[in-house]
Structures are given as C-alpha cells and as structure tokens.
C-alpha atoms as a PDB file:
ATOM      1  CA  MET A   1      49.846  -3.041 261.690  1.00  0.00           C
ATOM      2  CA  SER A   2      51.473  -6.015 260.025  1.00  0.00           C
ATOM      3  CA  ARG A   3      49.981  -8.318 262.678  1.00  0.00           C
ATOM      4  CA  ILE A   4      46.543  -6.805 262.100  1.00  0.00           C
ATOM      5  CA  ALA A   5      46.880  -7.207 258.349  1.00  0.00           C
ATOM      6  CA  SER A   6      48.069 -10.788 258.743  1.00  0.00           C
ATOM      7  CA  HIS A   7      45.151 -11.558 261.038  1.00  0.00           C
ATOM      8  CA  ALA A   8      42.715 -10.032 258.531  1.00  0.00           C
ATOM      9  CA  ASN A   9      44.226 -12.035 255.716  1.00  0.00           C
ATOM     10  CA  GLY A  10      43.903 -15.206 257.772  1.00  0.00           C
ATOM     11  CA  GLN A  11      40.265 -14.498 258.447  1.00  0.00           C
ATOM     12  CA  ALA A  12      39.673 -13.833 254.742  1.00  0.00           C
ATOM     13  CA  HIS A  13      41.321 -17.127 253.759  1.00  0.00           C
ATOM     14  CA  ALA A  14      39.313 -18.997 256.376  1.00  0.00           C
ATOM     15  CA  ALA A  15      36.106 -17.422 255.119  1.00  0.00           C
ATOM     16  CA  ALA A  16      37.028 -18.371 251.544  1.00  0.00           C
ATOM     17  CA  ARG A  17      37.705 -21.970 252.590  1.00  0.00           C
ATOM     18  CA  ALA A  18      34.392 -22.089 254.459  1.00  0.00           C
ATOM     19  CA  CYS A  19      32.557 -20.822 251.385  1.00  0.00           C
ATOM     20  CA  ALA A  20      34.331 -23.375 249.210  1.00  0.00           C
ATOM     21  CA  ASP A  21      33.387 -26.141 251.650  1.00  0.00           C
ATOM     22  CA  LEU A  22      29.770 -25.005 251.614  1.00  0.00           C
ATOM     23  CA  ARG A  23      29.726 -24.927 247.806  1.00  0.00           C
ATOM     24  CA  GLY A  24      31.324 -28.387 247.706  1.00  0.00           C
ATOM     25  CA  ARG A  25      28.765 -29.845 250.108  1.00  0.00           C
ATOM     26  CA  ALA A  26      25.934 -28.199 248.183  1.00  0.00           C
ATOM     27  CA  LEU A  27      27.272 -29.671 244.936  1.00  0.00           C
ATOM     28  CA  LEU A  28      27.537 -33.128 246.488  1.00  0.00           C
ATOM     29  CA  ARG A  29      23.973 -32.869 247.785  1.00  0.00           C
ATOM     30  CA  PHE A  30      22.778 -31.827 244.330  1.00  0.00           C
ATOM     31  CA  ILE A  31      24.598 -34.733 242.655  1.00  0.00           C
ATOM     32  CA  ALA A  32      23.194 -37.193 245.215  1.00  0.00           C
ATOM     33  CA  PHE A  33      19.699 -35.786 244.684  1.00  0.00           C
ATOM     34  CA  ALA A  34      20.050 -36.004 240.891  1.00  0.00           C
ATOM     35  CA  LEU A  35      21.337 -39.590 241.043  1.00  0.00           C
ATOM     36  CA  ALA A  36      18.510 -40.654 243.335  1.00  0.00           C
ATOM     37  CA  ASN A  37      15.925 -39.226 240.980  1.00  0.00           C
ATOM     38  CA  LEU A  38      17.681 -40.752 237.978  1.00  0.00           C
ATOM     39  CA  LEU A  39      17.586 -44.192 239.573  1.00  0.00           C
ATOM     40  CA  LEU A  40      13.883 -43.794 240.231  1.00  0.00           C
ATOM     41  CA  PHE A  41      13.305 -42.682 236.674  1.00  0.00           C
ATOM     42  CA  LEU A  42      15.435 -45.305 234.909  1.00  0.00           C
ATOM     43  CA  PRO A  43      12.938 -48.208 235.039  1.00  0.00           C
ATOM     44  CA  ALA A  44      10.408 -46.152 233.117  1.00  0.00           C
ATOM     45  CA  THR A  45      12.927 -44.930 230.548  1.00  0.00           C
ATOM     46  CA  ARG A  46      14.431 -48.401 230.037  1.00  0.00           C
ATOM     47  CA  ALA A  47      11.048 -49.977 229.431  1.00  0.00           C
ATOM     48  CA  GLN A  48      10.411 -50.733 225.795  1.00  0.00           C
ATOM     49  CA  ASP A  49       7.056 -52.458 226.259  1.00  0.00           C
ATOM     50  CA  SER A  50       4.820 -52.127 223.217  1.00  0.00           C
ATOM     51  CA  VAL A  51       1.645 -53.741 221.997  1.00  0.00           C
ATOM     52  CA  VAL A  52       0.459 -54.561 218.496  1.00  0.00           C
ATOM     53  CA  VAL A  53      -3.255 -55.162 217.911  1.00  0.00           C
ATOM     54  CA  LEU A  54      -3.849 -56.862 214.566  1.00  0.00           C
ATOM     55  CA  ASP A  55      -6.669 -55.764 212.273  1.00  0.00           C
ATOM     56  CA  PRO A  56      -8.610 -58.849 211.040  1.00  0.00           C
ATOM     57  CA  ALA A  57     -10.116 -56.875 208.149  1.00  0.00           C
ATOM     58  CA  LYS A  58      -6.675 -55.918 206.808  1.00  0.00           C
ATOM     59  CA  THR A  59      -4.739 -59.083 207.650  1.00  0.00           C
ATOM     60  CA  THR A  60      -4.589 -61.913 205.096  1.00  0.00           C
ATOM     61  CA  ILE A  61      -3.606 -65.521 205.733  1.00  0.00           C
ATOM     62  CA  ALA A  62      -2.976 -67.642 202.641  1.00  0.00           C
ATOM     63  CA  PHE A  63      -1.973 -71.291 202.331  1.00  0.00           C
ATOM     64  CA  THR A  64      -0.427 -73.278 199.489  1.00  0.00           C
ATOM     65  CA  LEU A  65      -0.413 -77.067 199.168  1.00  0.00           C
ATOM     66  CA  ASP A  66       1.409 -78.856 196.372  1.00  0.00           C
ATOM     67  CA  SER A  67      -0.063 -81.992 194.824  1.00  0.00           C
ATOM     68  CA  THR A  68       0.556 -84.307 191.862  1.00  0.00           C
ATOM     69  CA  LEU A  69      -2.243 -82.669 189.844  1.00  0.00           C
ATOM     70  CA  HIS A  70      -2.014 -78.998 190.734  1.00  0.00           C
ATOM     71  CA  THR A  71      -1.186 -76.557 193.503  1.00  0.00           C
ATOM     72  CA  VAL A  72      -3.989 -75.815 195.936  1.00  0.00           C
ATOM     73  CA  HIS A  73      -4.378 -72.223 197.084  1.00  0.00           C
ATOM     74  CA  GLY A  74      -6.622 -71.065 199.899  1.00  0.00           C
ATOM     75  CA  THR A  75      -7.160 -68.646 202.749  1.00  0.00           C
ATOM     76  CA  PHE A  76      -8.056 -68.467 206.422  1.00  0.00           C
ATOM     77  CA  LYS A  77      -9.464 -65.539 208.362  1.00  0.00           C
ATOM     78  CA  LEU A  78      -7.919 -63.934 211.409  1.00  0.00           C
ATOM     79  CA  LYS A  79     -10.225 -63.810 214.432  1.00  0.00           C
ATOM     80  CA  SER A  80      -8.028 -61.699 216.685  1.00  0.00           C
ATOM     81  CA  GLY A  81      -4.421 -60.910 217.423  1.00  0.00           C
ATOM     82  CA  GLN A  82      -2.657 -58.994 220.160  1.00  0.00           C
ATOM     83  CA  ILE A  83       1.050 -59.152 220.975  1.00  0.00           C
ATOM     84  CA  HIS A  84       2.704 -57.444 223.961  1.00  0.00           C
ATOM     85  CA  PHE A  85       6.485 -57.312 223.616  1.00  0.00           C
ATOM     86  CA  ASP A  86       9.708 -55.812 224.921  1.00  0.00           C
ATOM     87  CA  LEU A  87      12.512 -56.042 222.357  1.00  0.00           C
ATOM     88  CA  GLY A  88      15.045 -55.150 225.028  1.00  0.00           C
ATOM     89  CA  SER A  89      14.376 -58.199 227.197  1.00  0.00           C
ATOM     90  CA  GLY A  90      12.814 -60.490 224.575  1.00  0.00           C
ATOM     91  CA  LYS A  91       9.689 -60.820 226.712  1.00  0.00           C
ATOM     92  CA  VAL A  92       6.477 -61.332 224.739  1.00  0.00           C
ATOM     93  CA  THR A  93       2.919 -62.378 225.548  1.00  0.00           C
ATOM     94  CA  GLY A  94      -0.391 -62.488 223.714  1.00  0.00           C
ATOM     95  CA  GLN A  95      -2.150 -64.632 221.127  1.00  0.00           C
ATOM     96  CA  ILE A  96      -2.936 -64.739 217.431  1.00  0.00           C
ATOM     97  CA  VAL A  97      -6.177 -66.615 216.811  1.00  0.00           C
ATOM     98  CA  VAL A  98      -7.180 -67.919 213.372  1.00  0.00           C
ATOM     99  CA  ASP A  99     -10.670 -69.149 212.525  1.00  0.00           C
ATOM    100  CA  ALA A 100     -10.093 -72.763 211.443  1.00  0.00           C
ATOM    101  CA  THR A 101     -13.666 -73.019 210.131  1.00  0.00           C
ATOM    102  CA  SER A 102     -12.938 -70.228 207.624  1.00  0.00           C
ATOM    103  CA  GLY A 103     -10.514 -72.309 205.532  1.00  0.00           C
ATOM    104  CA  ASP A 104     -11.480 -71.819 201.888  1.00  0.00           C
ATOM    105  CA  SER A 105      -9.792 -73.211 198.743  1.00  0.00           C
ATOM    106  CA  GLU A 106     -12.730 -72.345 196.426  1.00  0.00           C
ATOM    107  CA  ASN A 107     -13.649 -76.002 195.927  1.00  0.00           C
ATOM    108  CA  ASN A 108     -16.647 -77.201 197.926  1.00  0.00           C
ATOM    109  CA  GLY A 109     -15.783 -80.891 197.821  1.00  0.00           C
ATOM    110  CA  ARG A 110     -12.159 -80.346 198.760  1.00  0.00           C
ATOM    111  CA  ASP A 111     -13.066 -77.890 201.529  1.00  0.00           C
ATOM    112  CA  LYS A 112     -15.638 -80.287 202.970  1.00  0.00           C
ATOM    113  CA  LYS A 113     -12.966 -82.983 203.223  1.00  0.00           C
ATOM    114  CA  MET A 114     -10.471 -80.510 204.715  1.00  0.00           C
ATOM    115  CA  HIS A 115     -12.882 -79.449 207.471  1.00  0.00           C
ATOM    116  CA  GLN A 116     -14.443 -82.819 208.218  1.00  0.00           C
ATOM    117  CA  GLU A 117     -11.449 -85.155 207.878  1.00  0.00           C
ATOM    118  CA  ILE A 118      -8.237 -83.131 208.166  1.00  0.00           C
ATOM    119  CA  LEU A 119      -8.753 -80.118 210.417  1.00  0.00           C
ATOM    120  CA  GLU A 120     -11.951 -81.373 212.091  1.00  0.00           C
ATOM    121  CA  SER A 121     -12.688 -77.678 212.429  1.00  0.00           C
ATOM    122  CA  GLN A 122     -16.047 -78.128 214.116  1.00  0.00           C
ATOM    123  CA  LYS A 123     -14.242 -79.882 216.969  1.00  0.00           C
ATOM    124  CA  TYR A 124     -11.143 -77.655 216.823  1.00  0.00           C
ATOM    125  CA  PRO A 125     -12.476 -74.292 215.575  1.00  0.00           C
ATOM    126  CA  GLU A 126      -9.350 -72.246 216.322  1.00  0.00           C
ATOM    127  CA  ILE A 127      -5.706 -72.299 215.299  1.00  0.00           C
ATOM    128  CA  ILE A 128      -3.710 -70.360 217.901  1.00  0.00           C
ATOM    129  CA  PHE A 129      -0.169 -69.035 217.968  1.00  0.00           C
ATOM    130  CA  THR A 130       1.061 -68.058 221.430  1.00  0.00           C
ATOM    131  CA  PRO A 131       4.423 -66.267 221.302  1.00  0.00           C
ATOM    132  CA  ALA A 132       6.939 -66.749 224.104  1.00  0.00           C
ATOM    133  CA  LYS A 133      10.081 -64.933 222.906  1.00  0.00           C
ATOM    134  CA  VAL A 134      10.966 -62.196 220.438  1.00  0.00           C
ATOM    135  CA  GLN A 135      14.400 -61.484 218.962  1.00  0.00           C
ATOM    136  CA  GLY A 136      15.503 -58.584 216.797  1.00  0.00           C
ATOM    137  CA  SER A 137      14.919 -54.856 216.691  1.00  0.00           C
ATOM    138  CA  LEU A 138      12.526 -52.449 214.998  1.00  0.00           C
ATOM    139  CA  ASN A 139      14.068 -49.736 212.835  1.00  0.00           C
ATOM    140  CA  PRO A 140      11.734 -46.722 212.535  1.00  0.00           C
ATOM    141  CA  GLN A 141      13.407 -45.687 209.273  1.00  0.00           C
ATOM    142  CA  ALA A 142      13.893 -48.999 207.415  1.00  0.00           C
ATOM    143  CA  ALA A 143      12.622 -52.569 207.097  1.00  0.00           C
ATOM    144  CA  SER A 144      13.372 -54.795 210.092  1.00  0.00           C
ATOM    145  CA  GLN A 145      13.629 -58.508 210.746  1.00  0.00           C
ATOM    146  CA  VAL A 146      12.393 -60.072 213.986  1.00  0.00           C
ATOM    147  CA  GLU A 147      11.749 -63.636 215.086  1.00  0.00           C
ATOM    148  CA  LEU A 148       8.844 -64.843 217.189  1.00  0.00           C
ATOM    149  CA  SER A 149       9.164 -68.182 218.958  1.00  0.00           C
ATOM    150  CA  GLY A 150       6.249 -69.845 220.645  1.00  0.00           C
ATOM    151  CA  SER A 151       3.542 -72.466 220.561  1.00  0.00           C
ATOM    152  CA  PHE A 152       1.381 -73.251 217.514  1.00  0.00           C
ATOM    153  CA  ARG A 153      -1.866 -75.031 218.423  1.00  0.00           C
ATOM    154  CA  ILE A 154      -3.665 -76.868 215.636  1.00  0.00           C
ATOM    155  CA  HIS A 155      -6.077 -79.807 215.835  1.00  0.00           C
ATOM    156  CA  GLY A 156      -5.879 -79.588 219.650  1.00  0.00           C
ATOM    157  CA  GLN A 157      -2.102 -80.112 219.846  1.00  0.00           C
ATOM    158  CA  ASP A 158       0.717 -77.645 220.629  1.00  0.00           C
ATOM    159  CA  HIS A 159       3.922 -77.496 218.583  1.00  0.00           C
ATOM    160  CA  ASP A 160       7.029 -75.340 218.999  1.00  0.00           C
ATOM    161  CA  VAL A 161       7.662 -72.971 216.092  1.00  0.00           C
ATOM    162  CA  THR A 162       9.824 -69.963 215.228  1.00  0.00           C
ATOM    163  CA  VAL A 163       8.426 -67.485 212.717  1.00  0.00           C
ATOM    164  CA  SER A 164      10.516 -64.822 210.950  1.00  0.00           C
ATOM    165  CA  LEU A 165       8.775 -61.506 210.376  1.00  0.00           C
ATOM    166  CA  ALA A 166       9.742 -58.863 207.842  1.00  0.00           C
ATOM    167  CA  VAL A 167       8.475 -55.615 209.351  1.00  0.00           C
ATOM    168  CA  ASP A 168       7.984 -52.413 207.343  1.00  0.00           C
ATOM    169  CA  PRO A 169       8.905 -49.054 208.891  1.00  0.00           C
ATOM    170  CA  PRO A 170       5.950 -47.907 211.033  1.00  0.00           C
ATOM    171  CA  ALA A 171       3.622 -45.470 209.280  1.00  0.00           C
ATOM    172  CA  GLY A 172       2.380 -43.415 212.182  1.00  0.00           C
ATOM    173  CA  ASN A 173       1.052 -46.011 214.593  1.00  0.00           C
ATOM    174  CA  GLN A 174       0.324 -48.576 211.851  1.00  0.00           C
ATOM    175  CA  LEU A 175       2.607 -51.578 211.524  1.00  0.00           C
ATOM    176  CA  ARG A 176       2.815 -54.016 208.592  1.00  0.00           C
ATOM    177  CA  ALA A 177       4.602 -57.359 208.735  1.00  0.00           C
ATOM    178  CA  THR A 178       5.008 -60.340 206.424  1.00  0.00           C
ATOM    179  CA  ALA A 179       5.660 -63.927 207.484  1.00  0.00           C
ATOM    180  CA  HIS A 180       6.246 -67.130 205.527  1.00  0.00           C
ATOM    181  CA  PHE A 181       6.584 -70.537 207.172  1.00  0.00           C
ATOM    182  CA  SER A 182       5.734 -74.207 206.621  1.00  0.00           C
ATOM    183  CA  VAL A 183       3.470 -76.413 208.699  1.00  0.00           C
ATOM    184  CA  PRO A 184       4.367 -80.144 208.637  1.00  0.00           C
ATOM    185  CA  TYR A 185       0.750 -81.083 209.268  1.00  0.00           C
ATOM    186  CA  ILE A 186       1.154 -84.821 208.709  1.00  0.00           C
ATOM    187  CA  LYS A 187       4.147 -84.986 211.053  1.00  0.00           C
ATOM    188  CA  TRP A 188       2.008 -83.117 213.572  1.00  0.00           C
ATOM    189  CA  GLY A 189      -0.612 -85.851 213.503  1.00  0.00           C
ATOM    190  CA  LEU A 190      -3.200 -84.591 211.007  1.00  0.00           C
ATOM    191  CA  LYS A 191      -4.641 -87.017 208.498  1.00  0.00           C
ATOM    192  CA  ASN A 192      -2.868 -87.475 205.163  1.00  0.00           C
ATOM    193  CA  PRO A 193      -5.338 -86.550 202.392  1.00  0.00           C
ATOM    194  CA  SER A 194      -3.364 -88.401 199.707  1.00  0.00           C
ATOM    195  CA  THR A 195      -4.934 -91.273 197.776  1.00  0.00           C
ATOM    196  CA  PHE A 196      -3.398 -93.953 195.552  1.00  0.00           C
ATOM    197  CA  ILE A 197      -3.604 -91.597 192.560  1.00  0.00           C
ATOM    198  CA  PHE A 198      -3.763 -88.136 194.127  1.00  0.00           C
ATOM    199  CA  ARG A 199      -0.692 -87.332 196.191  1.00  0.00           C
ATOM    200  CA  VAL A 200      -0.195 -84.127 198.187  1.00  0.00           C
ATOM    201  CA  SER A 201       2.764 -82.602 199.985  1.00  0.00           C
ATOM    202  CA  ASP A 202       3.219 -83.435 203.654  1.00  0.00           C
ATOM    203  CA  THR A 203       3.678 -79.725 204.463  1.00  0.00           C
ATOM    204  CA  VAL A 204       1.521 -76.692 203.794  1.00  0.00           C
ATOM    205  CA  ASP A 205       3.104 -73.284 203.200  1.00  0.00           C
ATOM    206  CA  ILE A 206       1.606 -70.330 205.045  1.00  0.00           C
ATOM    207  CA  SER A 207       1.935 -66.689 204.010  1.00  0.00           C
ATOM    208  CA  ILE A 208       0.705 -63.896 206.271  1.00  0.00           C
ATOM    209  CA  GLN A 209       0.319 -60.204 205.511  1.00  0.00           C
ATOM    210  CA  ALA A 210      -0.436 -58.639 208.884  1.00  0.00           C
ATOM    211  CA  VAL A 211      -1.556 -55.091 209.623  1.00  0.00           C
ATOM    212  CA  GLY A 212      -1.882 -53.767 213.150  1.00  0.00           C
ATOM    213  CA  GLN A 213      -1.811 -50.759 215.427  1.00  0.00           C
ATOM    214  CA  LEU A 214       1.401 -50.196 217.410  1.00  0.00           C
ATOM    215  CA  SER A 215       1.320 -48.381 220.734  1.00  0.00           C
ATOM    216  CA  ALA A 216       3.015 -48.192 224.116  1.00  0.00           C
ATOM    217  CA  ASP A 217       1.923 -51.014 226.393  1.00  0.00           C
ATOM    218  CA  THR A 218       0.805 -48.973 229.382  1.00  0.00           C
ATOM    219  CA  ALA A 219      -0.944 -51.994 230.904  1.00  0.00           C
ATOM    220  CA  SER A 220       2.433 -53.626 231.583  1.00  0.00           C
ATOM    221  CA  HIS A 221       3.587 -50.873 233.998  1.00  0.00           C
END
C-alpha cells in the first residue's frame, strides 16, 4: 500500500510540475505578445507632432522705429501661417508669411518712401519666417516659453534669427502667443532712411500677437 501511495504522490507532484510549467510558458508567451504589441504601439504614443494654423484676422504685427523727432508706429498684415512641430525632438517645419505691401504707419509720404525705397515691396512683396528648430515645452495649465529658430527672409535675403514666444495656456484648440524681437534692417542691407537732420534707429522693433488653431498633425504620420 505504501508503494502505491508513494507512486500516486509522485504522479500528483509530476502533474503539478507539468501544470506549473504550462502556466509559466503561457505567461512568457503573454509577456512576449504584450511587449511586441507595445513596441509596435510606441512610435504612435511617443509622437508629439502638432500643427498651429495662424488666423490672419486675429493676428497683429506691429513695428516701432525710433527717430530724432518722434517714434514711428505701424503695422503689417499676416498673409498666412502654419507651423508643424514636435517639441520632443525639436523638429519644426512650415512658414509664416507677412504681406510686405501692407506696411502702414498712417503717414502717406513716409509709407511711400518705406515701400519704394526701403522695402521695395512691389519687388519683394512678402516677408517670410521659416522655422527650423523649436525648443521648450507647452504647459496646458500655465504660460509657457518656447524658442523658434529659423530663417527670416526680407528684401530677398535670408537671415538667421531666434524668436522667443510667450504662449498662453491653450483655450480649447485655440492658442495665443506673443513675440518681441528686433530687426537690424540696415545691417541686413536695407537702405538707411536717415537724412542730415532726420535720424532714425538702425533697428526696428517688432511685436506680434498671434492667434491660431492647435491640433494633432495627422499629416506627419
């Protein structure tokens, strides 16, 4: 009887080990399957590609030019703007296009000289910023600071610039950003409008209040 009982116990232990082995192999297969699917899924979850399409009707571009007599204030109009970016990698593409012919300082004589002699806006009707790199992060709950580096084309010539943007927390899918930067237009080869009596600064200050629609950039996948 003892031999029979011992044999039965041995068979029971063997069956238990076999079941444990089966459960172990099943668990390993499940883990391997889960990891494989996770690896396939990771590129989509890591992607942070977004696109901002600027609204020309809600975006304002103002310029300020100091002179010996007074400070000149004026505006330009945005033609179009679309920026595709990934804050994770710093990758950014797109363009912001300003209508150079829209420059207006509310003085006909001064504006005529600006368009004919300085900007030559009939020959160079667009001012274009083409971003190449973005740094920073967007906080959905608070104001954020990001930097856009790229090429600024004015009067037919490209110049490297870096623009700091103060970005408000997104309101739904609407994004607001403010930028201030200086353009050394004389250094960049534009004509100096100064005369013997009337002297102006060699840089013009630009202030931008941009409004756009933020969305996932599905075209990049």
